Amino acid sequence: MSVQRKIEKQKVRRAHSVRAKLRRNSSLPRVSIFRSLNEIYAQVIDDAQHATLVSTSSLVMKNLEGSKTDVARAVGLELAKLALEKGITRAAFDRGRFLYHGRVKALAEGLREGGLQI
C-alpha cells in the first residue's frame, strides 16, 4: 500500500470516529467544518432530514482582513448569526478529521461568541 493511500485511509477513519461520537446526540443539528489550505467552510446539518440548514464560508464572506485564524473566527460569528435567525440555538460540533486547534478552534470560539451553544 502506498503512503498516500494509507494517509487517506487514516483521514477517513478519523472523521468516522469523530462522527460516531456525535451520533449519540442525534437530536441536535451538527456544525460540520472543512478546512482547506486557504479557506474554511462551515454548515449546520440536520441529520434527521438529511438537509443543510445554513452554511457559510470564507469564500462567501468578502472583504475579510487579517490572518486565517481571524477569518475563521469571523466565519464562526456569521454562521452563529445565520443559525440564530433560523431558530437554532444548540448544535453539536463536528470537527471531522481536523484537530481542535488553530483555525478550527477559532471557528468554534466564533460560534460561541455569536450565541450558539456547542
PDB file of N, CA and C in Angstrom:
ATOM      1  N   MET A   1       0.845  -1.171   0.000  1.00  0.00           N
ATOM      2  CA  MET A   1       0.000   0.000   0.000  1.00  0.00           C
ATOM      3  C   MET A   1       0.895   1.240   0.000  1.00  0.00           C
ATOM      4  N   SER A   2       0.552   2.198  -0.833  1.00  0.00           N
ATOM      5  CA  SER A   2       1.366   3.398  -0.908  1.00  0.00           C
ATOM      6  C   SER A   2       1.133   4.273   0.322  1.00  0.00           C
ATOM      7  N   VAL A   3       2.065   5.136   0.571  1.00  0.00           N
ATOM      8  CA  VAL A   3       1.993   6.012   1.736  1.00  0.00           C
ATOM      9  C   VAL A   3       0.802   6.968   1.598  1.00  0.00           C
ATOM     10  N   GLN A   4       0.590   7.495   0.401  1.00  0.00           N
ATOM     11  CA  GLN A   4      -0.520   8.421   0.178  1.00  0.00           C
ATOM     12  C   GLN A   4      -1.871   7.752   0.449  1.00  0.00           C
ATOM     13  N   ARG A   5      -2.041   6.534   0.007  1.00  0.00           N
ATOM     14  CA  ARG A   5      -3.294   5.811   0.220  1.00  0.00           C
ATOM     15  C   ARG A   5      -3.510   5.520   1.704  1.00  0.00           C
ATOM     16  N   LYS A   6      -2.436   5.203   2.399  1.00  0.00           N
ATOM     17  CA  LYS A   6      -2.520   4.943   3.831  1.00  0.00           C
ATOM     18  C   LYS A   6      -2.948   6.204   4.586  1.00  0.00           C
ATOM     19  N   ILE A   7      -2.415   7.353   4.209  1.00  0.00           N
ATOM     20  CA  ILE A   7      -2.773   8.618   4.841  1.00  0.00           C
ATOM     21  C   ILE A   7      -4.242   8.933   4.598  1.00  0.00           C
ATOM     22  N   GLU A   8      -4.719   8.712   3.377  1.00  0.00           N
ATOM     23  CA  GLU A   8      -6.128   8.959   3.053  1.00  0.00           C
ATOM     24  C   GLU A   8      -7.048   8.063   3.886  1.00  0.00           C
ATOM     25  N   LYS A   9      -6.676   6.813   4.058  1.00  0.00           N
ATOM     26  CA  LYS A   9      -7.485   5.897   4.868  1.00  0.00           C
ATOM     27  C   LYS A   9      -7.522   6.353   6.326  1.00  0.00           C
ATOM     28  N   GLN A  10      -6.407   6.867   6.830  1.00  0.00           N
ATOM     29  CA  GLN A  10      -6.354   7.362   8.199  1.00  0.00           C
ATOM     30  C   GLN A  10      -7.270   8.569   8.377  1.00  0.00           C
ATOM     31  N   LYS A  11      -7.302   9.471   7.386  1.00  0.00           N
ATOM     32  CA  LYS A  11      -8.163  10.647   7.450  1.00  0.00           C
ATOM     33  C   LYS A  11      -9.633  10.244   7.509  1.00  0.00           C
ATOM     34  N   VAL A  12     -10.008   9.301   6.672  1.00  0.00           N
ATOM     35  CA  VAL A  12     -11.394   8.843   6.637  1.00  0.00           C
ATOM     36  C   VAL A  12     -11.766   8.172   7.950  1.00  0.00           C
ATOM     37  N   ARG A  13     -10.882   7.331   8.481  1.00  0.00           N
ATOM     38  CA  ARG A  13     -11.140   6.644   9.738  1.00  0.00           C
ATOM     39  C   ARG A  13     -11.288   7.641  10.890  1.00  0.00           C
ATOM     40  N   ARG A  14     -10.454   8.667  10.910  1.00  0.00           N
ATOM     41  CA  ARG A  14     -10.514   9.686  11.957  1.00  0.00           C
ATOM     42  C   ARG A  14     -11.844  10.443  11.897  1.00  0.00           C
ATOM     43  N   ALA A  15     -12.278  10.802  10.690  1.00  0.00           N
ATOM     44  CA  ALA A  15     -13.542  11.524  10.529  1.00  0.00           C
ATOM     45  C   ALA A  15     -14.719  10.661  10.965  1.00  0.00           C
ATOM     46  N   HIS A  16     -14.712   9.383  10.620  1.00  0.00           N
ATOM     47  CA  HIS A  16     -15.786   8.484  11.028  1.00  0.00           C
ATOM     48  C   HIS A  16     -15.806   8.299  12.542  1.00  0.00           C
ATOM     49  N   SER A  17     -14.653   8.267  13.154  1.00  0.00           N
ATOM     50  CA  SER A  17     -14.556   8.118  14.600  1.00  0.00           C
ATOM     51  C   SER A  17     -15.175   9.316  15.314  1.00  0.00           C
ATOM     52  N   VAL A  18     -14.875  10.512  14.822  1.00  0.00           N
ATOM     53  CA  VAL A  18     -15.422  11.727  15.428  1.00  0.00           C
ATOM     54  C   VAL A  18     -16.933  11.763  15.251  1.00  0.00           C
ATOM     55  N   ARG A  19     -17.418  11.435  14.052  1.00  0.00           N
ATOM     56  CA  ARG A  19     -18.860  11.472  13.777  1.00  0.00           C
ATOM     57  C   ARG A  19     -19.622  10.410  14.562  1.00  0.00           C
ATOM     58  N   ALA A  20     -18.999   9.276  14.828  1.00  0.00           N
ATOM     59  CA  ALA A  20     -19.658   8.215  15.585  1.00  0.00           C
ATOM     60  C   ALA A  20     -19.958   8.679  17.006  1.00  0.00           C
ATOM     61  N   LYS A  21     -19.078   9.479  17.585  1.00  0.00           N
ATOM     62  CA  LYS A  21     -19.314  10.010  18.919  1.00  0.00           C
ATOM     63  C   LYS A  21     -20.451  11.031  18.917  1.00  0.00           C
ATOM     64  N   LEU A  22     -20.630  11.731  17.799  1.00  0.00           N
ATOM     65  CA  LEU A  22     -21.695  12.728  17.703  1.00  0.00           C
ATOM     66  C   LEU A  22     -23.062  12.094  17.508  1.00  0.00           C
ATOM     67  N   ARG A  23     -23.121  10.879  17.027  1.00  0.00           N
ATOM     68  CA  ARG A  23     -24.400  10.217  16.761  1.00  0.00           C
ATOM     69  C   ARG A  23     -25.215  10.031  18.042  1.00  0.00           C
ATOM     70  N   ARG A  24     -24.553  10.065  19.179  1.00  0.00           N
ATOM     71  CA  ARG A  24     -25.263   9.913  20.450  1.00  0.00           C
ATOM     72  C   ARG A  24     -26.221  11.078  20.675  1.00  0.00           C
ATOM     73  N   ASN A  25     -25.860  12.266  20.192  1.00  0.00           N
ATOM     74  CA  ASN A  25     -26.707  13.453  20.304  1.00  0.00           C
ATOM     75  C   ASN A  25     -27.415  13.698  18.981  1.00  0.00           C
ATOM     76  N   SER A  26     -28.067  12.683  18.464  1.00  0.00           N
ATOM     77  CA  SER A  26     -28.640  12.793  17.129  1.00  0.00           C
ATOM     78  C   SER A  26     -29.806  13.766  17.062  1.00  0.00           C
ATOM     79  N   SER A  27     -30.352  14.178  18.209  1.00  0.00           N
ATOM     80  CA  SER A  27     -31.450  15.136  18.181  1.00  0.00           C
ATOM     81  C   SER A  27     -30.966  16.542  17.840  1.00  0.00           C
ATOM     82  N   LEU A  28     -29.688  16.802  18.049  1.00  0.00           N
ATOM     83  CA  LEU A  28     -29.127  18.122  17.750  1.00  0.00           C
ATOM     84  C   LEU A  28     -28.644  18.196  16.309  1.00  0.00           C
ATOM     85  N   PRO A  29     -28.795  19.349  15.668  1.00  0.00           N
ATOM     86  CA  PRO A  29     -28.124  19.518  14.376  1.00  0.00           C
ATOM     87  C   PRO A  29     -26.615  19.600  14.613  1.00  0.00           C
ATOM     88  N   ARG A  30     -25.838  19.319  13.596  1.00  0.00           N
ATOM     89  CA  ARG A  30     -24.391  19.371  13.788  1.00  0.00           C
ATOM     90  C   ARG A  30     -23.762  20.443  12.912  1.00  0.00           C
ATOM     91  N   VAL A  31     -22.724  21.053  13.440  1.00  0.00           N
ATOM     92  CA  VAL A  31     -21.949  22.037  12.706  1.00  0.00           C
ATOM     93  C   VAL A  31     -20.759  21.294  12.119  1.00  0.00           C
ATOM     94  N   SER A  32     -20.762  21.125  10.813  1.00  0.00           N
ATOM     95  CA  SER A  32     -19.686  20.422  10.128  1.00  0.00           C
ATOM     96  C   SER A  32     -18.754  21.447   9.502  1.00  0.00           C
ATOM     97  N   ILE A  33     -17.460  21.220   9.642  1.00  0.00           N
ATOM     98  CA  ILE A  33     -16.496  22.164   9.092  1.00  0.00           C
ATOM     99  C   ILE A  33     -15.561  21.461   8.126  1.00  0.00           C
ATOM    100  N   PHE A  34     -15.034  22.228   7.209  1.00  0.00           N
ATOM    101  CA  PHE A  34     -13.985  21.754   6.314  1.00  0.00           C
ATOM    102  C   PHE A  34     -12.960  22.866   6.193  1.00  0.00           C
ATOM    103  N   ARG A  35     -11.714  22.502   6.328  1.00  0.00           N
ATOM    104  CA  ARG A  35     -10.618  23.465   6.286  1.00  0.00           C
ATOM    105  C   ARG A  35      -9.701  23.079   5.136  1.00  0.00           C
ATOM    106  N   SER A  36      -9.587  23.968   4.167  1.00  0.00           N
ATOM    107  CA  SER A  36      -8.622  23.741   3.095  1.00  0.00           C
ATOM    108  C   SER A  36      -7.379  24.574   3.399  1.00  0.00           C
ATOM    109  N   LEU A  37      -6.469  24.607   2.467  1.00  0.00           N
ATOM    110  CA  LEU A  37      -5.225  25.335   2.704  1.00  0.00           C
ATOM    111  C   LEU A  37      -5.478  26.828   2.891  1.00  0.00           C
ATOM    112  N   ASN A  38      -6.398  27.392   2.103  1.00  0.00           N
ATOM    113  CA  ASN A  38      -6.622  28.834   2.155  1.00  0.00           C
ATOM    114  C   ASN A  38      -7.990  29.245   2.678  1.00  0.00           C
ATOM    115  N   GLU A  39      -8.956  28.368   2.666  1.00  0.00           N
ATOM    116  CA  GLU A  39     -10.329  28.726   3.007  1.00  0.00           C
ATOM    117  C   GLU A  39     -10.840  27.850   4.144  1.00  0.00           C
ATOM    118  N   ILE A  40     -11.979  28.259   4.715  1.00  0.00           N
ATOM    119  CA  ILE A  40     -12.659  27.456   5.729  1.00  0.00           C
ATOM    120  C   ILE A  40     -14.156  27.521   5.447  1.00  0.00           C
ATOM    121  N   TYR A  41     -14.803  26.377   5.568  1.00  0.00           N
ATOM    122  CA  TYR A  41     -16.219  26.234   5.259  1.00  0.00           C
ATOM    123  C   TYR A  41     -16.918  25.655   6.482  1.00  0.00           C
ATOM    124  N   ALA A  42     -18.159  26.094   6.733  1.00  0.00           N
ATOM    125  CA  ALA A  42     -18.928  25.566   7.859  1.00  0.00           C
ATOM    126  C   ALA A  42     -20.396  25.523   7.478  1.00  0.00           C
ATOM    127  N   GLN A  43     -21.088  24.493   7.961  1.00  0.00           N
ATOM    128  CA  GLN A  43     -22.510  24.373   7.688  1.00  0.00           C
ATOM    129  C   GLN A  43     -23.197  23.673   8.856  1.00  0.00           C
ATOM    130  N   VAL A  44     -24.462  24.006   9.047  1.00  0.00           N
ATOM    131  CA  VAL A  44     -25.285  23.360  10.055  1.00  0.00           C
ATOM    132  C   VAL A  44     -26.167  22.350   9.331  1.00  0.00           C
ATOM    133  N   ILE A  45     -26.066  21.084   9.730  1.00  0.00           N
ATOM    134  CA  ILE A  45     -26.746  19.993   9.046  1.00  0.00           C
ATOM    135  C   ILE A  45     -27.736  19.339   9.995  1.00  0.00           C
ATOM    136  N   ASP A  46     -28.948  19.073   9.511  1.00  0.00           N
ATOM    137  CA  ASP A  46     -29.934  18.296  10.247  1.00  0.00           C
ATOM    138  C   ASP A  46     -29.881  16.875   9.697  1.00  0.00           C
ATOM    139  N   ASP A  47     -29.328  15.954  10.481  1.00  0.00           N
ATOM    140  CA  ASP A  47     -29.148  14.580  10.009  1.00  0.00           C
ATOM    141  C   ASP A  47     -30.475  13.829   9.891  1.00  0.00           C
ATOM    142  N   ALA A  48     -31.479  14.230  10.648  1.00  0.00           N
ATOM    143  CA  ALA A  48     -32.774  13.557  10.558  1.00  0.00           C
ATOM    144  C   ALA A  48     -33.438  13.813   9.207  1.00  0.00           C
ATOM    145  N   GLN A  49     -33.312  15.039   8.708  1.00  0.00           N
ATOM    146  CA  GLN A  49     -33.903  15.397   7.417  1.00  0.00           C
ATOM    147  C   GLN A  49     -32.911  15.279   6.265  1.00  0.00           C
ATOM    148  N   HIS A  50     -31.657  15.033   6.582  1.00  0.00           N
ATOM    149  CA  HIS A  50     -30.591  14.969   5.577  1.00  0.00           C
ATOM    150  C   HIS A  50     -30.544  16.260   4.762  1.00  0.00           C
ATOM    151  N   ALA A  51     -30.518  17.381   5.477  1.00  0.00           N
ATOM    152  CA  ALA A  51     -30.548  18.675   4.803  1.00  0.00           C
ATOM    153  C   ALA A  51     -29.602  19.649   5.492  1.00  0.00           C
ATOM    154  N   THR A  52     -29.027  20.537   4.691  1.00  0.00           N
ATOM    155  CA  THR A  52     -28.215  21.622   5.216  1.00  0.00           C
ATOM    156  C   THR A  52     -29.130  22.778   5.559  1.00  0.00           C
ATOM    157  N   LEU A  53     -29.075  23.239   6.798  1.00  0.00           N
ATOM    158  CA  LEU A  53     -29.957  24.317   7.247  1.00  0.00           C
ATOM    159  C   LEU A  53     -29.368  25.681   6.923  1.00  0.00           C
ATOM    160  N   VAL A  54     -28.122  25.910   7.284  1.00  0.00           N
ATOM    161  CA  VAL A  54     -27.414  27.152   6.952  1.00  0.00           C
ATOM    162  C   VAL A  54     -25.959  26.822   6.680  1.00  0.00           C
ATOM    163  N   SER A  55     -25.338  27.646   5.868  1.00  0.00           N
ATOM    164  CA  SER A  55     -23.913  27.436   5.589  1.00  0.00           C
ATOM    165  C   SER A  55     -23.263  28.767   5.257  1.00  0.00           C
ATOM    166  N   THR A  56     -21.971  28.808   5.451  1.00  0.00           N
ATOM    167  CA  THR A  56     -21.175  29.961   5.067  1.00  0.00           C
ATOM    168  C   THR A  56     -19.724  29.527   4.932  1.00  0.00           C
ATOM    169  N   SER A  57     -18.934  30.373   4.331  1.00  0.00           N
ATOM    170  CA  SER A  57     -17.511  30.072   4.165  1.00  0.00           C
ATOM    171  C   SER A  57     -16.740  31.372   4.014  1.00  0.00           C
ATOM    172  N   SER A  58     -15.444  31.257   4.010  1.00  0.00           N
ATOM    173  CA  SER A  58     -14.616  32.440   3.811  1.00  0.00           C
ATOM    174  C   SER A  58     -14.680  32.908   2.362  1.00  0.00           C
ATOM    175  N   LEU A  59     -15.126  32.065   1.451  1.00  0.00           N
ATOM    176  CA  LEU A  59     -15.312  32.477   0.059  1.00  0.00           C
ATOM    177  C   LEU A  59     -16.544  33.359  -0.095  1.00  0.00           C
ATOM    178  N   VAL A  60     -17.605  33.030   0.645  1.00  0.00           N
ATOM    179  CA  VAL A  60     -18.851  33.790   0.564  1.00  0.00           C
ATOM    180  C   VAL A  60     -18.681  35.166   1.196  1.00  0.00           C
ATOM    181  N   MET A  61     -17.962  35.207   2.289  1.00  0.00           N
ATOM    182  CA  MET A  61     -17.759  36.462   3.011  1.00  0.00           C
ATOM    183  C   MET A  61     -16.590  37.215   2.385  1.00  0.00           C
ATOM    184  N   LYS A  62     -16.892  38.302   1.743  1.00  0.00           N
ATOM    185  CA  LYS A  62     -15.858  39.100   1.074  1.00  0.00           C
ATOM    186  C   LYS A  62     -15.285  40.136   2.031  1.00  0.00           C
ATOM    187  N   ASN A  63     -14.162  40.703   1.679  1.00  0.00           N
ATOM    188  CA  ASN A  63     -13.510  41.791   2.411  1.00  0.00           C
ATOM    189  C   ASN A  63     -13.126  41.403   3.834  1.00  0.00           C
ATOM    190  N   LEU A  64     -12.674  40.178   4.024  1.00  0.00           N
ATOM    191  CA  LEU A  64     -12.188  39.765   5.335  1.00  0.00           C
ATOM    192  C   LEU A  64     -10.691  40.042   5.399  1.00  0.00           C
ATOM    193  N   GLU A  65     -10.287  40.720   6.445  1.00  0.00           N
ATOM    194  CA  GLU A  65      -8.886  41.075   6.621  1.00  0.00           C
ATOM    195  C   GLU A  65      -8.310  40.305   7.792  1.00  0.00           C
ATOM    196  N   GLY A  66      -7.006  40.183   7.815  1.00  0.00           N
ATOM    197  CA  GLY A  66      -6.329  39.557   8.931  1.00  0.00           C
ATOM    198  C   GLY A  66      -5.819  38.172   8.579  1.00  0.00           C
ATOM    199  N   SER A  67      -5.401  37.473   9.609  1.00  0.00           N
ATOM    200  CA  SER A  67      -4.841  36.142   9.420  1.00  0.00           C
ATOM    201  C   SER A  67      -5.951  35.137   9.146  1.00  0.00           C
ATOM    202  N   LYS A  68      -5.572  33.918   8.820  1.00  0.00           N
ATOM    203  CA  LYS A  68      -6.546  32.862   8.573  1.00  0.00           C
ATOM    204  C   LYS A  68      -7.350  32.560   9.831  1.00  0.00           C
ATOM    205  N   THR A  69      -6.729  32.693  10.983  1.00  0.00           N
ATOM    206  CA  THR A  69      -7.424  32.464  12.246  1.00  0.00           C
ATOM    207  C   THR A  69      -8.495  33.521  12.468  1.00  0.00           C
ATOM    208  N   ASP A  70      -8.184  34.775  12.159  1.00  0.00           N
ATOM    209  CA  ASP A  70      -9.169  35.852  12.284  1.00  0.00           C
ATOM    210  C   ASP A  70     -10.341  35.637  11.329  1.00  0.00           C
ATOM    211  N   VAL A  71     -10.043  35.166  10.134  1.00  0.00           N
ATOM    212  CA  VAL A  71     -11.084  34.889   9.147  1.00  0.00           C
ATOM    213  C   VAL A  71     -11.982  33.749   9.645  1.00  0.00           C
ATOM    214  N   ALA A  72     -11.384  32.711  10.232  1.00  0.00           N
ATOM    215  CA  ALA A  72     -12.158  31.586  10.753  1.00  0.00           C
ATOM    216  C   ALA A  72     -13.093  32.041  11.870  1.00  0.00           C
ATOM    217  N   ARG A  73     -12.629  32.923  12.729  1.00  0.00           N
ATOM    218  CA  ARG A  73     -13.474  33.448  13.806  1.00  0.00           C
ATOM    219  C   ARG A  73     -14.646  34.236  13.222  1.00  0.00           C
ATOM    220  N   ALA A  74     -14.386  35.032  12.177  1.00  0.00           N
ATOM    221  CA  ALA A  74     -15.450  35.803  11.526  1.00  0.00           C
ATOM    222  C   ALA A  74     -16.477  34.880  10.869  1.00  0.00           C
ATOM    223  N   VAL A  75     -16.026  33.783  10.277  1.00  0.00           N
ATOM    224  CA  VAL A  75     -16.942  32.801   9.678  1.00  0.00           C
ATOM    225  C   VAL A  75     -17.806  32.174  10.772  1.00  0.00           C
ATOM    226  N   GLY A  76     -17.224  31.872  11.922  1.00  0.00           N
ATOM    227  CA  GLY A  76     -17.982  31.322  13.042  1.00  0.00           C
ATOM    228  C   GLY A  76     -19.042  32.284  13.544  1.00  0.00           C
ATOM    229  N   LEU A  77     -18.690  33.566  13.656  1.00  0.00           N
ATOM    230  CA  LEU A  77     -19.662  34.567  14.081  1.00  0.00           C
ATOM    231  C   LEU A  77     -20.813  34.680  13.091  1.00  0.00           C
ATOM    232  N   GLU A  78     -20.503  34.675  11.814  1.00  0.00           N
ATOM    233  CA  GLU A  78     -21.535  34.778  10.771  1.00  0.00           C
ATOM    234  C   GLU A  78     -22.443  33.554  10.773  1.00  0.00           C
ATOM    235  N   LEU A  79     -21.868  32.368  10.916  1.00  0.00           N
ATOM    236  CA  LEU A  79     -22.680  31.147  10.944  1.00  0.00           C
ATOM    237  C   LEU A  79     -23.595  31.131  12.170  1.00  0.00           C
ATOM    238  N   ALA A  80     -23.094  31.596  13.302  1.00  0.00           N
ATOM    239  CA  ALA A  80     -23.925  31.662  14.502  1.00  0.00           C
ATOM    240  C   ALA A  80     -25.090  32.627  14.298  1.00  0.00           C
ATOM    241  N   LYS A  81     -24.819  33.758  13.665  1.00  0.00           N
ATOM    242  CA  LYS A  81     -25.876  34.729  13.393  1.00  0.00           C
ATOM    243  C   LYS A  81     -26.948  34.134  12.482  1.00  0.00           C
ATOM    244  N   LEU A  82     -26.522  33.443  11.428  1.00  0.00           N
ATOM    245  CA  LEU A  82     -27.469  32.818  10.498  1.00  0.00           C
ATOM    246  C   LEU A  82     -28.271  31.712  11.181  1.00  0.00           C
ATOM    247  N   ALA A  83     -27.610  30.945  12.048  1.00  0.00           N
ATOM    248  CA  ALA A  83     -28.290  29.852  12.748  1.00  0.00           C
ATOM    249  C   ALA A  83     -29.327  30.391  13.724  1.00  0.00           C
ATOM    250  N   LEU A  84     -28.988  31.452  14.434  1.00  0.00           N
ATOM    251  CA  LEU A  84     -29.936  32.040  15.373  1.00  0.00           C
ATOM    252  C   LEU A  84     -31.143  32.618  14.646  1.00  0.00           C
ATOM    253  N   GLU A  85     -30.942  33.156  13.446  1.00  0.00           N
ATOM    254  CA  GLU A  85     -32.063  33.654  12.649  1.00  0.00           C
ATOM    255  C   GLU A  85     -33.011  32.524  12.253  1.00  0.00           C
ATOM    256  N   LYS A  86     -32.467  31.324  12.060  1.00  0.00           N
ATOM    257  CA  LYS A  86     -33.279  30.152  11.719  1.00  0.00           C
ATOM    258  C   LYS A  86     -33.885  29.479  12.948  1.00  0.00           C
ATOM    259  N   GLY A  87     -33.536  29.967  14.139  1.00  0.00           N
ATOM    260  CA  GLY A  87     -34.078  29.397  15.367  1.00  0.00           C
ATOM    261  C   GLY A  87     -33.250  28.268  15.950  1.00  0.00           C
ATOM    262  N   ILE A  88     -32.036  28.121  15.509  1.00  0.00           N
ATOM    263  CA  ILE A  88     -31.139  27.079  16.012  1.00  0.00           C
ATOM    264  C   ILE A  88     -30.285  27.696  17.122  1.00  0.00           C
ATOM    265  N   THR A  89     -30.410  27.168  18.329  1.00  0.00           N
ATOM    266  CA  THR A  89     -29.652  27.715  19.453  1.00  0.00           C
ATOM    267  C   THR A  89     -28.576  26.755  19.948  1.00  0.00           C
ATOM    268  N   ARG A  90     -28.756  25.443  19.699  1.00  0.00           N
ATOM    269  CA  ARG A  90     -27.789  24.447  20.142  1.00  0.00           C
ATOM    270  C   ARG A  90     -27.407  23.561  18.966  1.00  0.00           C
ATOM    271  N   ALA A  91     -26.167  23.115  18.950  1.00  0.00           N
ATOM    272  CA  ALA A  91     -25.691  22.221  17.901  1.00  0.00           C
ATOM    273  C   ALA A  91     -24.490  21.438  18.414  1.00  0.00           C
ATOM    274  N   ALA A  92     -24.221  20.326  17.759  1.00  0.00           N
ATOM    275  CA  ALA A  92     -23.039  19.525  18.063  1.00  0.00           C
ATOM    276  C   ALA A  92     -21.934  19.939  17.095  1.00  0.00           C
ATOM    277  N   PHE A  93     -20.706  20.037  17.578  1.00  0.00           N
ATOM    278  CA  PHE A  93     -19.585  20.494  16.754  1.00  0.00           C
ATOM    279  C   PHE A  93     -18.868  19.293  16.164  1.00  0.00           C
ATOM    280  N   ASP A  94     -18.889  19.176  14.836  1.00  0.00           N
ATOM    281  CA  ASP A  94     -18.244  18.082  14.115  1.00  0.00           C
ATOM    282  C   ASP A  94     -16.980  18.622  13.468  1.00  0.00           C
ATOM    283  N   ARG A  95     -15.840  18.324  14.077  1.00  0.00           N
ATOM    284  CA  ARG A  95     -14.577  18.819  13.548  1.00  0.00           C
ATOM    285  C   ARG A  95     -14.038  17.952  12.431  1.00  0.00           C
ATOM    286  N   GLY A  96     -14.684  16.824  12.190  1.00  0.00           N
ATOM    287  CA  GLY A  96     -14.249  15.941  11.110  1.00  0.00           C
ATOM    288  C   GLY A  96     -12.877  15.370  11.388  1.00  0.00           C
ATOM    289  N   ARG A  97     -12.015  15.437  10.395  1.00  0.00           N
ATOM    290  CA  ARG A  97     -10.679  14.855  10.552  1.00  0.00           C
ATOM    291  C   ARG A  97      -9.656  15.855  11.075  1.00  0.00           C
ATOM    292  N   PHE A  98     -10.094  17.074  11.378  1.00  0.00           N
ATOM    293  CA  PHE A  98      -9.170  18.129  11.761  1.00  0.00           C
ATOM    294  C   PHE A  98      -9.034  18.205  13.275  1.00  0.00           C
ATOM    295  N   LEU A  99      -7.833  18.472  13.740  1.00  0.00           N
ATOM    296  CA  LEU A  99      -7.584  18.611  15.167  1.00  0.00           C
ATOM    297  C   LEU A  99      -8.202  19.903  15.685  1.00  0.00           C
ATOM    298  N   TYR A 100      -8.583  19.904  16.948  1.00  0.00           N
ATOM    299  CA  TYR A 100      -9.218  21.073  17.552  1.00  0.00           C
ATOM    300  C   TYR A 100      -8.145  22.045  18.026  1.00  0.00           C
ATOM    301  N   HIS A 101      -7.595  22.783  17.092  1.00  0.00           N
ATOM    302  CA  HIS A 101      -6.665  23.865  17.403  1.00  0.00           C
ATOM    303  C   HIS A 101      -6.555  24.757  16.187  1.00  0.00           C
ATOM    304  N   GLY A 102      -5.992  25.920  16.361  1.00  0.00           N
ATOM    305  CA  GLY A 102      -5.806  26.832  15.238  1.00  0.00           C
ATOM    306  C   GLY A 102      -7.121  27.360  14.688  1.00  0.00           C
ATOM    307  N   ARG A 103      -7.306  27.212  13.367  1.00  0.00           N
ATOM    308  CA  ARG A 103      -8.493  27.756  12.708  1.00  0.00           C
ATOM    309  C   ARG A 103      -9.777  27.054  13.129  1.00  0.00           C
ATOM    310  N   VAL A 104      -9.701  25.767  13.396  1.00  0.00           N
ATOM    311  CA  VAL A 104     -10.895  25.026  13.831  1.00  0.00           C
ATOM    312  C   VAL A 104     -11.348  25.531  15.200  1.00  0.00           C
ATOM    313  N   LYS A 105     -10.413  25.730  16.097  1.00  0.00           N
ATOM    314  CA  LYS A 105     -10.729  26.248  17.424  1.00  0.00           C
ATOM    315  C   LYS A 105     -11.261  27.679  17.334  1.00  0.00           C
ATOM    316  N   ALA A 106     -10.678  28.496  16.463  1.00  0.00           N
ATOM    317  CA  ALA A 106     -11.134  29.879  16.292  1.00  0.00           C
ATOM    318  C   ALA A 106     -12.562  29.915  15.768  1.00  0.00           C
ATOM    319  N   LEU A 107     -12.901  29.016  14.846  1.00  0.00           N
ATOM    320  CA  LEU A 107     -14.266  28.956  14.332  1.00  0.00           C
ATOM    321  C   LEU A 107     -15.236  28.569  15.442  1.00  0.00           C
ATOM    322  N   ALA A 108     -14.867  27.602  16.269  1.00  0.00           N
ATOM    323  CA  ALA A 108     -15.727  27.187  17.381  1.00  0.00           C
ATOM    324  C   ALA A 108     -15.908  28.323  18.382  1.00  0.00           C
ATOM    325  N   GLU A 109     -14.859  29.061  18.662  1.00  0.00           N
ATOM    326  CA  GLU A 109     -14.968  30.195  19.576  1.00  0.00           C
ATOM    327  C   GLU A 109     -15.850  31.286  18.984  1.00  0.00           C
ATOM    328  N   GLY A 110     -15.768  31.484  17.669  1.00  0.00           N
ATOM    329  CA  GLY A 110     -16.645  32.442  16.997  1.00  0.00           C
ATOM    330  C   GLY A 110     -18.103  32.032  17.091  1.00  0.00           C
ATOM    331  N   LEU A 111     -18.365  30.745  16.974  1.00  0.00           N
ATOM    332  CA  LEU A 111     -19.735  30.248  17.131  1.00  0.00           C
ATOM    333  C   LEU A 111     -20.258  30.535  18.530  1.00  0.00           C
ATOM    334  N   ARG A 112     -19.419  30.297  19.523  1.00  0.00           N
ATOM    335  CA  ARG A 112     -19.837  30.531  20.911  1.00  0.00           C
ATOM    336  C   ARG A 112     -20.055  32.026  21.170  1.00  0.00           C
ATOM    337  N   GLU A 113     -19.154  32.864  20.634  1.00  0.00           N
ATOM    338  CA  GLU A 113     -19.303  34.310  20.801  1.00  0.00           C
ATOM    339  C   GLU A 113     -20.578  34.808  20.129  1.00  0.00           C
ATOM    340  N   GLY A 114     -20.962  34.181  19.036  1.00  0.00           N
ATOM    341  CA  GLY A 114     -22.168  34.566  18.324  1.00  0.00           C
ATOM    342  C   GLY A 114     -23.445  34.116  19.001  1.00  0.00           C
ATOM    343  N   GLY A 115     -23.352  33.275  20.026  1.00  0.00           N
ATOM    344  CA  GLY A 115     -24.521  32.879  20.788  1.00  0.00           C
ATOM    345  C   GLY A 115     -24.987  31.454  20.546  1.00  0.00           C
ATOM    346  N   LEU A 116     -24.280  30.689  19.750  1.00  0.00           N
ATOM    347  CA  LEU A 116     -24.659  29.296  19.503  1.00  0.00           C
ATOM    348  C   LEU A 116     -24.010  28.422  20.563  1.00  0.00           C
ATOM    349  N   GLN A 117     -24.769  27.534  21.168  1.00  0.00           N
ATOM    350  CA  GLN A 117     -24.235  26.611  22.177  1.00  0.00           C
ATOM    351  C   GLN A 117     -23.763  25.349  21.488  1.00  0.00           C
ATOM    352  N   ILE A 118     -22.462  25.086  21.610  1.00  0.00           N
ATOM    353  CA  ILE A 118     -21.916  23.846  21.032  1.00  0.00           C
ATOM    354  C   ILE A 118     -21.207  23.060  22.117  1.00  0.00           C
TER     355      ILE A 118
END
